Amino acid sequence: PKEAQLGVDAWLFIGAIHKKNGALQEASIAFDAAGERYGAEPKCAEAVFQAMDCYRLLNKASKRKFYTDRLEQRRSTLASKYATHPRAASAQLAEAQGMQDDGQYAEAAAEYAKIPTTSQVNLDATVAGGQCHLLRGRDLAKGGKAPEAKLAYGTAEDLFKKARAEAEVQRGKTLNLDDKARYDSLAL
């Protein structure tokens, strides 16, 4: 078991280096290797999530069926095999992020809004939904549709205020420094 833990950590480290350097294909291979070789280890959920994120970014850069298929496979694996892991909740965001990456801001905002308030990623979904409305407002303003843009900006502002209030509440409930830093970053 200790050897498996070290193996997962090593592949996660290799993948993280490649991802940071923009070598997303190499990173996805490293993350996939961790998930496939040591699938029973709890940290494999992180590897599967990181692979899913790499495929999302690769698909954003160049639409290919291979990337879409791999993204869906990783999302499915995360949701089924690692359903109790905190990263499994992040799989809910992946589809909406894909829409946002494609510039489908209204559709992405609607997907973000579907994420239940009880989900661990609800706060992230609220912020991302606000970003979608903000970007949609920008596009509407550029298109000369000022009244619609104003509504989109208002919705974005409401979502950002809601997220900020929730982040402050959640920050007060935890002693975990990583969580506190995350909530601080969301304090818009």
Protein backbone atom coordinates (compact mmCIF):
# COMPACT_ATOMS: atom_id res chain seq x y z
CA PRO A 1 0.00 0.00 0.00
CA LYS A 2 2.78 2.45 0.82
CA GLU A 3 4.38 1.74 -2.56
CA ALA A 4 1.05 2.46 -4.25
CA GLN A 5 0.70 5.75 -2.33
CA LEU A 6 4.17 6.80 -3.43
CA GLY A 7 3.38 5.79 -7.00
CA VAL A 8 0.24 7.92 -7.09
CA ASP A 9 2.11 10.85 -5.54
CA ALA A 10 4.90 10.52 -8.12
CA TRP A 11 2.49 10.48 -11.08
CA LEU A 12 0.54 13.41 -9.60
CA PHE A 13 3.79 15.35 -9.23
CA ILE A 14 4.90 14.56 -12.80
CA GLY A 15 1.49 15.51 -14.15
CA ALA A 16 1.44 18.75 -12.17
CA ILE A 17 4.83 19.78 -13.57
CA HIS A 18 3.71 19.11 -17.14
CA LYS A 19 0.39 20.90 -16.59
CA LYS A 20 2.12 23.94 -15.10
CA ASN A 21 4.44 24.07 -18.13
CA GLY A 22 1.48 23.88 -20.53
CA ALA A 23 2.24 20.33 -21.72
CA LEU A 24 -1.35 19.19 -21.28
CA GLN A 25 -1.08 15.98 -23.29
CA GLU A 26 1.89 14.81 -21.24
CA ALA A 27 0.13 15.84 -18.04
CA SER A 28 -3.00 13.90 -18.97
CA ILE A 29 -0.89 10.80 -19.65
CA ALA A 30 0.75 11.07 -16.21
CA PHE A 31 -2.57 11.59 -14.44
CA ASP A 32 -4.12 8.70 -16.37
CA ALA A 33 -1.18 6.47 -15.43
CA ALA A 34 -1.81 7.13 -11.75
CA GLY A 35 -5.51 6.38 -12.10
CA GLU A 36 -5.02 3.23 -14.14
CA ARG A 37 -2.12 1.73 -12.18
CA TYR A 38 -3.26 2.53 -8.65
CA GLY A 39 -7.04 2.85 -9.01
CA ALA A 40 -7.78 1.59 -5.50
CA GLU A 41 -5.81 4.37 -3.80
CA PRO A 42 -7.87 7.29 -2.44
CA LYS A 43 -5.58 9.88 -4.08
CA CYS A 44 -6.45 8.44 -7.49
CA ALA A 45 -9.60 10.56 -7.44
CA GLU A 46 -7.33 13.61 -7.64
CA ALA A 47 -5.47 12.06 -10.59
CA VAL A 48 -8.74 11.32 -12.42
CA PHE A 49 -9.94 14.87 -11.74
CA GLN A 50 -6.69 16.39 -13.01
CA ALA A 51 -6.82 14.21 -16.15
CA MET A 52 -10.42 15.36 -16.70
CA ASP A 53 -9.32 18.99 -16.38
CA CYS A 54 -6.44 18.46 -18.84
CA TYR A 55 -8.82 16.95 -21.40
CA ARG A 56 -11.21 19.88 -20.88
CA LEU A 57 -8.41 22.35 -21.58
CA LEU A 58 -7.16 20.33 -24.58
CA ASN A 59 -10.70 20.18 -25.95
CA LYS A 60 -11.02 23.93 -25.48
CA ALA A 61 -7.87 24.50 -27.54
CA SER A 62 -8.73 22.07 -30.34
CA LYS A 63 -12.07 20.35 -30.58
CA ARG A 64 -11.40 16.65 -31.07
CA LYS A 65 -13.64 13.69 -30.43
CA PHE A 66 -10.79 11.93 -28.61
CA TYR A 67 -10.59 14.71 -26.00
CA THR A 68 -14.36 14.85 -25.62
CA ASP A 69 -14.55 11.08 -25.13
CA ARG A 70 -11.72 11.06 -22.59
CA LEU A 71 -13.30 13.97 -20.73
CA GLU A 72 -16.61 12.11 -20.49
CA GLN A 73 -14.88 8.89 -19.40
CA ARG A 74 -12.99 10.67 -16.62
CA ARG A 75 -16.13 12.51 -15.51
CA SER A 76 -17.99 9.20 -15.36
CA THR A 77 -15.16 7.47 -13.47
CA LEU A 78 -14.98 10.29 -10.96
CA ALA A 79 -18.73 10.25 -10.37
CA SER A 80 -19.02 6.45 -10.08
CA LYS A 81 -15.77 5.03 -8.69
CA TYR A 82 -14.91 7.94 -6.38
CA ALA A 83 -18.42 9.24 -5.62
CA THR A 84 -17.62 10.05 -1.98
CA HIS A 85 -14.42 11.97 -2.75
CA PRO A 86 -14.69 15.80 -2.63
CA ARG A 87 -13.39 16.02 -6.21
CA ALA A 88 -16.38 14.01 -7.44
CA ALA A 89 -18.54 17.06 -6.85
CA SER A 90 -16.28 18.96 -9.24
CA ALA A 91 -17.37 16.67 -12.06
CA GLN A 92 -20.69 18.50 -11.89
CA LEU A 93 -18.92 21.68 -12.99
CA ALA A 94 -17.13 20.17 -15.98
CA GLU A 95 -20.03 20.31 -18.43
CA ALA A 96 -20.84 23.91 -17.59
CA GLN A 97 -17.15 24.84 -17.85
CA GLY A 98 -17.08 23.34 -21.33
CA MET A 99 -20.03 25.49 -22.37
CA GLN A 100 -18.38 28.55 -20.87
CA ASP A 101 -15.15 27.74 -22.72
CA ASP A 102 -17.18 27.65 -25.97
CA GLY A 103 -18.66 31.09 -25.28
CA GLN A 104 -22.16 29.70 -24.55
CA TYR A 105 -22.55 31.90 -21.51
CA ALA A 106 -26.33 31.73 -21.08
CA GLU A 107 -26.34 27.94 -21.34
CA ALA A 108 -23.37 27.62 -18.97
CA ALA A 109 -25.03 29.92 -16.42
CA ALA A 110 -28.15 27.74 -16.57
CA GLU A 111 -26.04 24.61 -15.93
CA TYR A 112 -24.26 26.25 -13.01
CA ALA A 113 -27.64 27.22 -11.55
CA LYS A 114 -28.72 23.55 -11.59
CA ILE A 115 -26.05 22.58 -9.06
CA PRO A 116 -27.81 22.05 -5.73
CA THR A 117 -27.08 24.33 -2.79
CA THR A 118 -26.05 21.25 -0.79
CA SER A 119 -23.25 20.41 -3.25
CA GLN A 120 -19.65 21.01 -2.21
CA VAL A 121 -19.10 23.00 -5.40
CA ASN A 122 -22.14 25.25 -5.10
CA LEU A 123 -20.02 28.25 -4.14
CA ASP A 124 -17.76 27.70 -7.17
CA ALA A 125 -20.85 27.31 -9.36
CA THR A 126 -22.30 30.57 -8.05
CA VAL A 127 -19.09 32.47 -8.84
CA ALA A 128 -18.81 30.86 -12.28
CA GLY A 129 -22.47 31.62 -12.98
CA GLY A 130 -21.80 35.26 -12.12
CA GLN A 131 -18.82 35.27 -14.50
CA CYS A 132 -21.01 33.85 -17.26
CA HIS A 133 -23.63 36.56 -16.78
CA LEU A 134 -20.88 39.19 -16.73
CA LEU A 135 -19.38 37.90 -19.99
CA ARG A 136 -22.83 37.60 -21.56
CA GLY A 137 -23.52 41.20 -20.55
CA ARG A 138 -20.27 42.28 -22.18
CA ASP A 139 -21.21 40.52 -25.42
CA LEU A 140 -24.70 42.04 -25.37
CA ALA A 141 -23.28 45.52 -24.77
CA LYS A 142 -20.90 45.07 -27.70
CA GLY A 143 -23.89 44.05 -29.82
CA GLY A 144 -25.74 47.25 -28.95
CA LYS A 145 -28.28 45.57 -26.66
CA ALA A 146 -27.87 47.81 -23.63
CA PRO A 147 -31.12 46.88 -21.79
CA GLU A 148 -30.35 43.15 -21.96
CA ALA A 149 -26.74 43.82 -20.99
CA LYS A 150 -27.88 45.77 -17.94
CA LEU A 151 -30.02 42.82 -16.83
CA ALA A 152 -27.10 40.41 -17.28
CA TYR A 153 -24.80 42.71 -15.30
CA GLY A 154 -27.40 42.95 -12.53
CA THR A 155 -27.71 39.17 -12.34
CA ALA A 156 -23.91 38.86 -12.22
CA GLU A 157 -23.72 41.39 -9.41
CA ASP A 158 -26.39 39.53 -7.41
CA LEU A 159 -24.56 36.21 -7.82
CA PHE A 160 -21.22 37.75 -6.82
CA LYS A 161 -22.80 39.26 -3.69
CA LYS A 162 -24.38 35.91 -2.83
CA ALA A 163 -21.04 34.12 -3.32
CA ARG A 164 -19.18 36.66 -1.22
CA ALA A 165 -21.64 36.32 1.65
CA GLU A 166 -21.49 32.52 1.49
CA ALA A 167 -17.67 32.57 1.36
CA GLU A 168 -17.56 34.70 4.51
CA VAL A 169 -19.94 32.31 6.30
CA GLN A 170 -17.96 29.24 5.22
CA ARG A 171 -14.65 30.87 6.16
CA GLY A 172 -15.92 31.35 9.69
CA LYS A 173 -16.90 27.69 9.96
CA THR A 174 -13.49 26.17 9.19
CA LEU A 175 -10.07 26.03 10.77
CA ASN A 176 -8.43 24.52 7.69
CA LEU A 177 -5.98 27.11 6.32
CA ASP A 178 -6.32 25.87 2.72
CA ASP A 179 -10.09 26.25 2.90
CA LYS A 180 -9.76 29.71 4.48
CA ALA A 181 -7.43 30.79 1.66
CA ARG A 182 -9.89 29.46 -0.91
CA TYR A 183 -12.76 31.38 0.69
CA ASP A 184 -10.61 34.50 0.86
CA SER A 185 -9.95 34.20 -2.88
CA LEU A 186 -13.70 34.08 -3.47
CA ALA A 187 -14.38 37.14 -1.32
CA LEU A 188 -15.08 39.29 -4.31
